[in-house]
Amino acid sequence: MLVRDESLREDMNERLAHADRLTSLGETAAKLAHEINQPLAVINMAAENALLEMEGENGDPAYVEARLQAISEQVGRLRELIEHIGSFARRLEPGDQPFDIGEAVSSATKLFASELAKDDIALDLTLSEGPVFTTGKSIHLEQVVVNLISNGRDAILNHAGTAQDAARRVRVLVEASGDHAEISISDTGGGIPEEIRASVFEPFFTTKAAGKGTGLGLSVVERIVTGINGRIGVENTGDGCCFRISLPLNSPADA
C-alpha cells in the first residue's frame, strides 16, 4: 500500500510539474515569437541577397556561399530553440538520469536572456568550473530556473525603486562545495515582505494581480527540488531576494 501511495504521489507531482510547464510555456509564447522572428528575418534577407547576386551577370559565388552559410546557421538556431520549447511541453517518463547542473542552468537562462535584455535587465551567469552532476531530470531543474528568473524579472519590473539600469539585474550562480552544489538566483526587485516570506512555497499563494498567475509556480518548484533530494529557501538581500537551491552531487557512474 505504501509503494502504491508513493507511486501516486510521484505521478501527481509530475502532473503538477507538467501543468506548470504548459502554463509557463503559454505565458512566454508571445515573447518567444520575438526569438523566432529574429533568425527568420536574417534568413529572409540572406536568401533575397543571394538570389539578387545570382541574377546578376557577374554573380560572386563566394558572396552567395556566405549568405547560404548564414541561412544554415540561423536554421540551426531555430531548430535548437524549437527543440527546447518542445522538451519543455512534453510530459517526461519516469526514470532519473545523471545530468550536469551547470549545463541545465545555462540552457534555462538562454530562454530568458533576450527577454531580460529587452527590459533593460542585466543577466549575470556564473558557473562552477567543470561539470557538476546530480541525479534527476534536467528539464525539471531547467523549469525551476526559468520560473525563478521569470519571477525575478516580474519583481524588478513591478518595483518602483529600480528605475536605474544599473539596479536592474538578475544573478544566477552555481557553486560546488563538498558533496553539494548550490544554485543562487537573486534579483533587485525589492525583496519579499517578511510577513509573507514563509508562505511563498504554499500552493495557490501568489502576490500577482488576478489573472497574472496561478500561484502554483513556487509550490511546484519546491516539489521538484525536494523530488531530487534537494532543498530550497529564500532570503531577502539588500536590494531584492535570493533563492538558494542545494542539490546533492554525484558522478554519472553513481546513477
C-alpha atoms as a PDB file:
ATOM      1  CA  MET A   1       0.000   0.000   0.000  1.00  0.00           C
ATOM      2  CA  LEU A   2       2.862   2.334   0.867  1.00  0.00           C
ATOM      3  CA  VAL A   3       4.507   1.698  -2.508  1.00  0.00           C
ATOM      4  CA  ARG A   4       1.239   2.449  -4.318  1.00  0.00           C
ATOM      5  CA  ASP A   5       0.744   5.672  -2.354  1.00  0.00           C
ATOM      6  CA  GLU A   6       4.286   6.754  -3.176  1.00  0.00           C
ATOM      7  CA  SER A   7       3.718   5.986  -6.865  1.00  0.00           C
ATOM      8  CA  LEU A   8       0.501   8.023  -6.862  1.00  0.00           C
ATOM      9  CA  ARG A   9       2.298  10.905  -5.147  1.00  0.00           C
ATOM     10  CA  GLU A  10       5.090  10.874  -7.727  1.00  0.00           C
ATOM     11  CA  ASP A  11       2.551  10.779 -10.567  1.00  0.00           C
ATOM     12  CA  MET A  12       0.677  13.719  -9.054  1.00  0.00           C
ATOM     13  CA  ASN A  13       3.900  15.693  -8.669  1.00  0.00           C
ATOM     14  CA  GLU A  14       4.784  15.016 -12.305  1.00  0.00           C
ATOM     15  CA  ARG A  15       1.301  16.052 -13.458  1.00  0.00           C
ATOM     16  CA  LEU A  16       1.578  19.292 -11.487  1.00  0.00           C
ATOM     17  CA  ALA A  17       5.023  19.955 -12.904  1.00  0.00           C
ATOM     18  CA  HIS A  18       3.783  19.217 -16.419  1.00  0.00           C
ATOM     19  CA  ALA A  19       0.801  21.550 -15.970  1.00  0.00           C
ATOM     20  CA  ASP A  20       3.107  24.282 -14.688  1.00  0.00           C
ATOM     21  CA  ARG A  21       5.434  23.821 -17.675  1.00  0.00           C
ATOM     22  CA  LEU A  22       2.486  24.267 -20.031  1.00  0.00           C
ATOM     23  CA  THR A  23       1.365  27.368 -18.128  1.00  0.00           C
ATOM     24  CA  SER A  24       4.874  28.830 -18.312  1.00  0.00           C
ATOM     25  CA  LEU A  25       5.069  27.957 -21.999  1.00  0.00           C
ATOM     26  CA  GLY A  26       1.763  29.664 -22.723  1.00  0.00           C
ATOM     27  CA  GLU A  27       2.741  32.803 -20.829  1.00  0.00           C
ATOM     28  CA  THR A  28       6.027  33.124 -22.707  1.00  0.00           C
ATOM     29  CA  ALA A  29       4.822  32.089 -26.198  1.00  0.00           C
ATOM     30  CA  ALA A  30       4.407  35.681 -27.397  1.00  0.00           C
ATOM     31  CA  LYS A  31       7.846  36.607 -26.102  1.00  0.00           C
ATOM     32  CA  LEU A  32       9.470  33.583 -27.693  1.00  0.00           C
ATOM     33  CA  ALA A  33       7.938  34.677 -31.007  1.00  0.00           C
ATOM     34  CA  HIS A  34      10.476  37.520 -30.963  1.00  0.00           C
ATOM     35  CA  GLU A  35      13.282  34.973 -30.618  1.00  0.00           C
ATOM     36  CA  ILE A  36      11.936  33.080 -33.628  1.00  0.00           C
ATOM     37  CA  ASN A  37      11.332  36.169 -35.751  1.00  0.00           C
ATOM     38  CA  GLN A  38      14.943  37.343 -35.463  1.00  0.00           C
ATOM     39  CA  PRO A  39      16.543  34.362 -37.255  1.00  0.00           C
ATOM     40  CA  LEU A  40      13.640  34.285 -39.720  1.00  0.00           C
ATOM     41  CA  ALA A  41      14.405  37.897 -40.666  1.00  0.00           C
ATOM     42  CA  VAL A  42      18.083  37.031 -41.162  1.00  0.00           C
ATOM     43  CA  ILE A  43      17.147  34.004 -43.295  1.00  0.00           C
ATOM     44  CA  ASN A  44      14.807  36.070 -45.431  1.00  0.00           C
ATOM     45  CA  MET A  45      17.356  38.820 -46.024  1.00  0.00           C
ATOM     46  CA  ALA A  46      20.174  36.372 -46.761  1.00  0.00           C
ATOM     47  CA  ALA A  47      18.018  34.444 -49.234  1.00  0.00           C
ATOM     48  CA  GLU A  48      16.943  37.616 -51.047  1.00  0.00           C
ATOM     49  CA  ASN A  49      20.534  38.867 -51.269  1.00  0.00           C
ATOM     50  CA  ALA A  50      21.738  35.509 -52.575  1.00  0.00           C
ATOM     51  CA  LEU A  51      19.029  35.464 -55.242  1.00  0.00           C
ATOM     52  CA  LEU A  52      19.870  39.016 -56.342  1.00  0.00           C
ATOM     53  CA  GLU A  53      23.555  38.127 -56.568  1.00  0.00           C
ATOM     54  CA  MET A  54      22.805  35.017 -58.651  1.00  0.00           C
ATOM     55  CA  GLU A  55      20.609  37.017 -61.025  1.00  0.00           C
ATOM     56  CA  GLY A  56      23.431  39.433 -61.845  1.00  0.00           C
ATOM     57  CA  GLU A  57      25.747  38.896 -64.766  1.00  0.00           C
ATOM     58  CA  ASN A  58      28.851  38.767 -62.581  1.00  0.00           C
ATOM     59  CA  GLY A  59      27.492  36.960 -59.530  1.00  0.00           C
ATOM     60  CA  ASP A  60      30.085  36.241 -56.858  1.00  0.00           C
ATOM     61  CA  PRO A  61      29.923  32.576 -55.758  1.00  0.00           C
ATOM     62  CA  ALA A  62      31.744  33.419 -52.505  1.00  0.00           C
ATOM     63  CA  TYR A  63      29.086  36.004 -51.628  1.00  0.00           C
ATOM     64  CA  VAL A  64      26.283  33.520 -52.314  1.00  0.00           C
ATOM     65  CA  GLU A  65      28.075  30.865 -50.276  1.00  0.00           C
ATOM     66  CA  ALA A  66      28.381  33.253 -47.328  1.00  0.00           C
ATOM     67  CA  ARG A  67      24.643  34.016 -47.483  1.00  0.00           C
ATOM     68  CA  LEU A  68      23.810  30.295 -47.582  1.00  0.00           C
ATOM     69  CA  GLN A  69      26.095  29.721 -44.604  1.00  0.00           C
ATOM     70  CA  ALA A  70      24.239  32.441 -42.686  1.00  0.00           C
ATOM     71  CA  ILE A  71      20.936  30.744 -43.524  1.00  0.00           C
ATOM     72  CA  SER A  72      22.267  27.391 -42.308  1.00  0.00           C
ATOM     73  CA  GLU A  73      23.408  28.913 -39.010  1.00  0.00           C
ATOM     74  CA  GLN A  74      20.055  30.571 -38.383  1.00  0.00           C
ATOM     75  CA  VAL A  75      18.180  27.354 -39.186  1.00  0.00           C
ATOM     76  CA  GLY A  76      20.319  25.620 -36.583  1.00  0.00           C
ATOM     77  CA  ARG A  77      19.439  28.331 -34.074  1.00  0.00           C
ATOM     78  CA  LEU A  78      15.739  27.879 -34.808  1.00  0.00           C
ATOM     79  CA  ARG A  79      15.988  24.098 -34.515  1.00  0.00           C
ATOM     80  CA  GLU A  80      17.675  24.372 -31.134  1.00  0.00           C
ATOM     81  CA  LEU A  81      15.050  26.795 -29.851  1.00  0.00           C
ATOM     82  CA  ILE A  82      12.120  24.703 -31.112  1.00  0.00           C
ATOM     83  CA  GLU A  83      13.552  21.507 -29.659  1.00  0.00           C
ATOM     84  CA  HIS A  84      13.974  23.216 -26.312  1.00  0.00           C
ATOM     85  CA  ILE A  85      10.397  24.511 -26.344  1.00  0.00           C
ATOM     86  CA  GLY A  86       9.182  21.034 -27.301  1.00  0.00           C
ATOM     87  CA  SER A  87      11.053  19.389 -24.442  1.00  0.00           C
ATOM     88  CA  PHE A  88       9.509  21.909 -22.067  1.00  0.00           C
ATOM     89  CA  ALA A  89       5.996  20.890 -23.169  1.00  0.00           C
ATOM     90  CA  ARG A  90       6.455  17.112 -23.164  1.00  0.00           C
ATOM     91  CA  ARG A  91       5.492  15.088 -20.149  1.00  0.00           C
ATOM     92  CA  LEU A  92       8.533  13.092 -19.133  1.00  0.00           C
ATOM     93  CA  GLU A  93       8.519   9.373 -18.466  1.00  0.00           C
ATOM     94  CA  PRO A  94       9.695   8.110 -15.057  1.00  0.00           C
ATOM     95  CA  GLY A  95      13.374   7.442 -14.642  1.00  0.00           C
ATOM     96  CA  ASP A  96      16.107   9.655 -13.244  1.00  0.00           C
ATOM     97  CA  GLN A  97      19.403  10.147 -15.011  1.00  0.00           C
ATOM     98  CA  PRO A  98      22.664  11.888 -14.089  1.00  0.00           C
ATOM     99  CA  PHE A  99      22.966  15.355 -15.611  1.00  0.00           C
ATOM    100  CA  ASP A 100      25.286  18.341 -15.415  1.00  0.00           C
ATOM    101  CA  ILE A 101      23.762  21.040 -13.216  1.00  0.00           C
ATOM    102  CA  GLY A 102      25.712  23.831 -14.921  1.00  0.00           C
ATOM    103  CA  GLU A 103      24.585  22.688 -18.366  1.00  0.00           C
ATOM    104  CA  ALA A 104      20.922  22.609 -17.289  1.00  0.00           C
ATOM    105  CA  VAL A 105      21.149  26.062 -15.692  1.00  0.00           C
ATOM    106  CA  SER A 106      22.912  27.513 -18.740  1.00  0.00           C
ATOM    107  CA  SER A 107      20.290  26.046 -21.057  1.00  0.00           C
ATOM    108  CA  ALA A 108      17.484  27.538 -18.971  1.00  0.00           C
ATOM    109  CA  THR A 109      18.989  31.033 -18.966  1.00  0.00           C
ATOM    110  CA  LYS A 110      19.087  31.046 -22.776  1.00  0.00           C
ATOM    111  CA  LEU A 111      15.290  31.115 -22.829  1.00  0.00           C
ATOM    112  CA  PHE A 112      15.154  34.397 -20.948  1.00  0.00           C
ATOM    113  CA  ALA A 113      18.375  36.218 -21.815  1.00  0.00           C
ATOM    114  CA  SER A 114      16.917  38.245 -24.681  1.00  0.00           C
ATOM    115  CA  GLU A 115      13.699  38.998 -22.783  1.00  0.00           C
ATOM    116  CA  LEU A 116      15.658  40.400 -19.851  1.00  0.00           C
ATOM    117  CA  ALA A 117      17.755  42.467 -22.254  1.00  0.00           C
ATOM    118  CA  LYS A 118      14.615  43.953 -23.829  1.00  0.00           C
ATOM    119  CA  ASP A 119      13.508  45.074 -20.365  1.00  0.00           C
ATOM    120  CA  ASP A 120      16.964  46.567 -19.690  1.00  0.00           C
ATOM    121  CA  ILE A 121      17.628  43.904 -17.061  1.00  0.00           C
ATOM    122  CA  ALA A 122      21.176  42.561 -16.919  1.00  0.00           C
ATOM    123  CA  LEU A 123      21.720  38.820 -16.536  1.00  0.00           C
ATOM    124  CA  ASP A 124      24.845  37.618 -14.745  1.00  0.00           C
ATOM    125  CA  LEU A 125      25.538  33.886 -15.077  1.00  0.00           C
ATOM    126  CA  THR A 126      28.452  32.318 -13.203  1.00  0.00           C
ATOM    127  CA  LEU A 127      29.024  28.562 -13.366  1.00  0.00           C
ATOM    128  CA  SER A 128      31.353  26.393 -11.339  1.00  0.00           C
ATOM    129  CA  GLU A 129      34.495  25.159 -13.055  1.00  0.00           C
ATOM    130  CA  GLY A 130      33.936  21.829 -14.765  1.00  0.00           C
ATOM    131  CA  PRO A 131      30.798  19.675 -14.775  1.00  0.00           C
ATOM    132  CA  VAL A 132      28.882  19.047 -11.550  1.00  0.00           C
ATOM    133  CA  PHE A 133      26.482  16.119 -11.689  1.00  0.00           C
ATOM    134  CA  THR A 134      23.329  15.304  -9.795  1.00  0.00           C
ATOM    135  CA  THR A 135      20.630  12.719 -10.495  1.00  0.00           C
ATOM    136  CA  GLY A 136      17.130  13.549 -11.642  1.00  0.00           C
ATOM    137  CA  LYS A 137      15.561  15.077 -14.736  1.00  0.00           C
ATOM    138  CA  SER A 138      17.466  18.002 -16.203  1.00  0.00           C
ATOM    139  CA  ILE A 139      14.318  19.507 -17.730  1.00  0.00           C
ATOM    140  CA  HIS A 140      12.829  19.771 -14.235  1.00  0.00           C
ATOM    141  CA  LEU A 141      15.783  21.795 -12.997  1.00  0.00           C
ATOM    142  CA  GLU A 142      15.547  23.969 -16.120  1.00  0.00           C
ATOM    143  CA  GLN A 143      11.888  24.548 -15.285  1.00  0.00           C
ATOM    144  CA  VAL A 144      12.857  25.645 -11.764  1.00  0.00           C
ATOM    145  CA  VAL A 145      15.490  28.083 -13.041  1.00  0.00           C
ATOM    146  CA  VAL A 146      13.183  29.543 -15.714  1.00  0.00           C
ATOM    147  CA  ASN A 147      10.439  30.021 -13.125  1.00  0.00           C
ATOM    148  CA  LEU A 148      12.717  31.799 -10.659  1.00  0.00           C
ATOM    149  CA  ILE A 149      14.294  34.021 -13.316  1.00  0.00           C
ATOM    150  CA  SER A 150      10.809  34.929 -14.561  1.00  0.00           C
ATOM    151  CA  ASN A 151       9.716  35.784 -11.023  1.00  0.00           C
ATOM    152  CA  GLY A 152      12.816  37.923 -10.573  1.00  0.00           C
ATOM    153  CA  ARG A 153      12.098  39.816 -13.780  1.00  0.00           C
ATOM    154  CA  ASP A 154       8.495  40.432 -12.724  1.00  0.00           C
ATOM    155  CA  ALA A 155       9.642  41.660  -9.309  1.00  0.00           C
ATOM    156  CA  ILE A 156      12.104  44.101 -10.887  1.00  0.00           C
ATOM    157  CA  LEU A 157       9.535  45.453 -13.344  1.00  0.00           C
ATOM    158  CA  ASN A 158       6.986  45.922 -10.563  1.00  0.00           C
ATOM    159  CA  HIS A 159       9.450  47.512  -8.156  1.00  0.00           C
ATOM    160  CA  ALA A 160       9.336  51.313  -8.279  1.00  0.00           C
ATOM    161  CA  GLY A 161      12.872  51.642  -6.973  1.00  0.00           C
ATOM    162  CA  THR A 162      14.611  50.068  -9.962  1.00  0.00           C
ATOM    163  CA  ALA A 163      14.432  52.933 -12.435  1.00  0.00           C
ATOM    164  CA  GLN A 164      18.194  52.965 -12.981  1.00  0.00           C
ATOM    165  CA  ASP A 165      19.512  50.374 -15.417  1.00  0.00           C
ATOM    166  CA  ALA A 166      22.428  49.572 -13.086  1.00  0.00           C
ATOM    167  CA  ALA A 167      19.969  48.321 -10.466  1.00  0.00           C
ATOM    168  CA  ARG A 168      18.001  46.069 -12.815  1.00  0.00           C
ATOM    169  CA  ARG A 169      19.825  42.781 -12.534  1.00  0.00           C
ATOM    170  CA  VAL A 170      19.249  39.032 -12.160  1.00  0.00           C
ATOM    171  CA  ARG A 171      22.200  36.962 -10.957  1.00  0.00           C
ATOM    172  CA  VAL A 172      22.487  33.198 -11.394  1.00  0.00           C
ATOM    173  CA  LEU A 173      25.358  31.457  -9.631  1.00  0.00           C
ATOM    174  CA  VAL A 174      26.291  27.763  -9.482  1.00  0.00           C
ATOM    175  CA  GLU A 175      28.854  26.724  -6.877  1.00  0.00           C
ATOM    176  CA  ALA A 176      30.042  23.260  -5.861  1.00  0.00           C
ATOM    177  CA  SER A 177      31.379  22.513  -2.403  1.00  0.00           C
ATOM    178  CA  GLY A 178      31.956  19.090  -0.913  1.00  0.00           C
ATOM    179  CA  ASP A 179      29.088  16.782  -1.785  1.00  0.00           C
ATOM    180  CA  HIS A 180      26.580  19.506  -2.671  1.00  0.00           C
ATOM    181  CA  ALA A 181      26.049  22.196  -5.289  1.00  0.00           C
ATOM    182  CA  GLU A 182      24.253  25.453  -4.614  1.00  0.00           C
ATOM    183  CA  ILE A 183      22.311  27.410  -7.202  1.00  0.00           C
ATOM    184  CA  SER A 184      21.619  31.013  -6.236  1.00  0.00           C
ATOM    185  CA  ILE A 185      19.142  33.115  -8.214  1.00  0.00           C
ATOM    186  CA  SER A 186      18.864  36.684  -6.979  1.00  0.00           C
ATOM    187  CA  ASP A 187      17.222  39.841  -8.249  1.00  0.00           C
ATOM    188  CA  THR A 188      16.987  43.535  -7.460  1.00  0.00           C
ATOM    189  CA  GLY A 189      13.211  43.582  -7.194  1.00  0.00           C
ATOM    190  CA  GLY A 190      12.956  44.936  -3.680  1.00  0.00           C
ATOM    191  CA  GLY A 191      12.595  41.663  -1.796  1.00  0.00           C
ATOM    192  CA  ILE A 192       9.666  39.781  -0.273  1.00  0.00           C
ATOM    193  CA  PRO A 193       7.764  41.288   2.669  1.00  0.00           C
ATOM    194  CA  GLU A 194       8.722  39.418   5.834  1.00  0.00           C
ATOM    195  CA  GLU A 195       5.099  38.746   6.747  1.00  0.00           C
ATOM    196  CA  ILE A 196       4.553  36.626   3.631  1.00  0.00           C
ATOM    197  CA  ARG A 197       8.037  35.175   3.033  1.00  0.00           C
ATOM    198  CA  ALA A 198       7.212  31.965   4.940  1.00  0.00           C
ATOM    199  CA  SER A 199       4.166  31.383   2.705  1.00  0.00           C
ATOM    200  CA  VAL A 200       5.670  31.723  -0.765  1.00  0.00           C
ATOM    201  CA  PHE A 201       6.006  27.948  -1.302  1.00  0.00           C
ATOM    202  CA  GLU A 202       2.398  27.214  -0.343  1.00  0.00           C
ATOM    203  CA  PRO A 203       0.081  26.048  -3.171  1.00  0.00           C
ATOM    204  CA  PHE A 204      -2.036  28.788  -4.768  1.00  0.00           C
ATOM    205  CA  PHE A 205      -0.202  31.534  -2.884  1.00  0.00           C
ATOM    206  CA  THR A 206       0.606  34.451  -5.172  1.00  0.00           C
ATOM    207  CA  THR A 207       1.353  38.134  -4.904  1.00  0.00           C
ATOM    208  CA  LYS A 208       0.479  38.757  -8.559  1.00  0.00           C
ATOM    209  CA  ALA A 209      -2.687  40.521  -9.663  1.00  0.00           C
ATOM    210  CA  ALA A 210      -5.749  38.472 -10.562  1.00  0.00           C
ATOM    211  CA  GLY A 211      -5.256  36.664 -13.865  1.00  0.00           C
ATOM    212  CA  LYS A 212      -1.461  37.082 -13.745  1.00  0.00           C
ATOM    213  CA  GLY A 213      -0.573  33.795 -12.068  1.00  0.00           C
ATOM    214  CA  THR A 214      -1.970  30.600 -10.577  1.00  0.00           C
ATOM    215  CA  GLY A 215       0.238  30.546  -7.513  1.00  0.00           C
ATOM    216  CA  LEU A 216       1.384  27.047  -8.467  1.00  0.00           C
ATOM    217  CA  GLY A 217       4.829  28.180  -9.578  1.00  0.00           C
ATOM    218  CA  LEU A 218       6.855  28.194  -6.361  1.00  0.00           C
ATOM    219  CA  SER A 219       4.881  25.290  -4.933  1.00  0.00           C
ATOM    220  CA  VAL A 220       5.824  23.160  -7.932  1.00  0.00           C
ATOM    221  CA  VAL A 221       9.399  24.483  -7.750  1.00  0.00           C
ATOM    222  CA  GLU A 222       9.694  23.204  -4.187  1.00  0.00           C
ATOM    223  CA  ARG A 223       8.206  19.820  -5.147  1.00  0.00           C
ATOM    224  CA  ILE A 224      10.701  19.439  -7.977  1.00  0.00           C
ATOM    225  CA  VAL A 225      13.696  20.376  -5.826  1.00  0.00           C
ATOM    226  CA  THR A 226      12.731  18.074  -2.953  1.00  0.00           C
ATOM    227  CA  GLY A 227      11.979  15.365  -5.504  1.00  0.00           C
ATOM    228  CA  ILE A 228      15.684  15.228  -6.410  1.00  0.00           C
ATOM    229  CA  ASN A 229      16.696  15.223  -2.737  1.00  0.00           C
ATOM    230  CA  GLY A 230      17.429  18.931  -2.719  1.00  0.00           C
ATOM    231  CA  ARG A 231      16.421  21.885  -0.584  1.00  0.00           C
ATOM    232  CA  ILE A 232      15.247  25.371  -1.489  1.00  0.00           C
ATOM    233  CA  GLY A 233      14.943  28.512   0.564  1.00  0.00           C
ATOM    234  CA  VAL A 234      14.559  32.214   0.031  1.00  0.00           C
ATOM    235  CA  GLU A 235      16.016  35.207   1.825  1.00  0.00           C
ATOM    236  CA  ASN A 236      15.970  38.943   1.323  1.00  0.00           C
ATOM    237  CA  THR A 237      19.161  40.674   0.280  1.00  0.00           C
ATOM    238  CA  GLY A 238      19.951  44.359   0.347  1.00  0.00           C
ATOM    239  CA  ASP A 239      18.109  45.215  -2.856  1.00  0.00           C
ATOM    240  CA  GLY A 240      15.963  42.159  -3.601  1.00  0.00           C
ATOM    241  CA  CYS A 241      15.658  38.496  -2.746  1.00  0.00           C
ATOM    242  CA  CYS A 242      17.716  35.381  -3.359  1.00  0.00           C
ATOM    243  CA  PHE A 243      16.502  31.817  -3.870  1.00  0.00           C
ATOM    244  CA  ARG A 244      19.072  29.203  -2.885  1.00  0.00           C
ATOM    245  CA  ILE A 245      18.831  25.619  -4.097  1.00  0.00           C
ATOM    246  CA  SER A 246      21.066  22.908  -2.639  1.00  0.00           C
ATOM    247  CA  LEU A 247      21.441  19.684  -4.617  1.00  0.00           C
ATOM    248  CA  PRO A 248      23.425  16.528  -3.815  1.00  0.00           C
ATOM    249  CA  LEU A 249      26.369  15.819  -6.101  1.00  0.00           C
ATOM    250  CA  ASN A 250      27.422  12.531  -7.609  1.00  0.00           C
ATOM    251  CA  SER A 251      29.151  11.239 -10.715  1.00  0.00           C
ATOM    252  CA  PRO A 252      27.478   9.789 -13.807  1.00  0.00           C
ATOM    253  CA  ALA A 253      28.626   6.332 -12.713  1.00  0.00           C
ATOM    254  CA  ASP A 254      26.738   6.635  -9.407  1.00  0.00           C
ATOM    255  CA  ALA A 255      23.392   6.546 -11.198  1.00  0.00           C
END
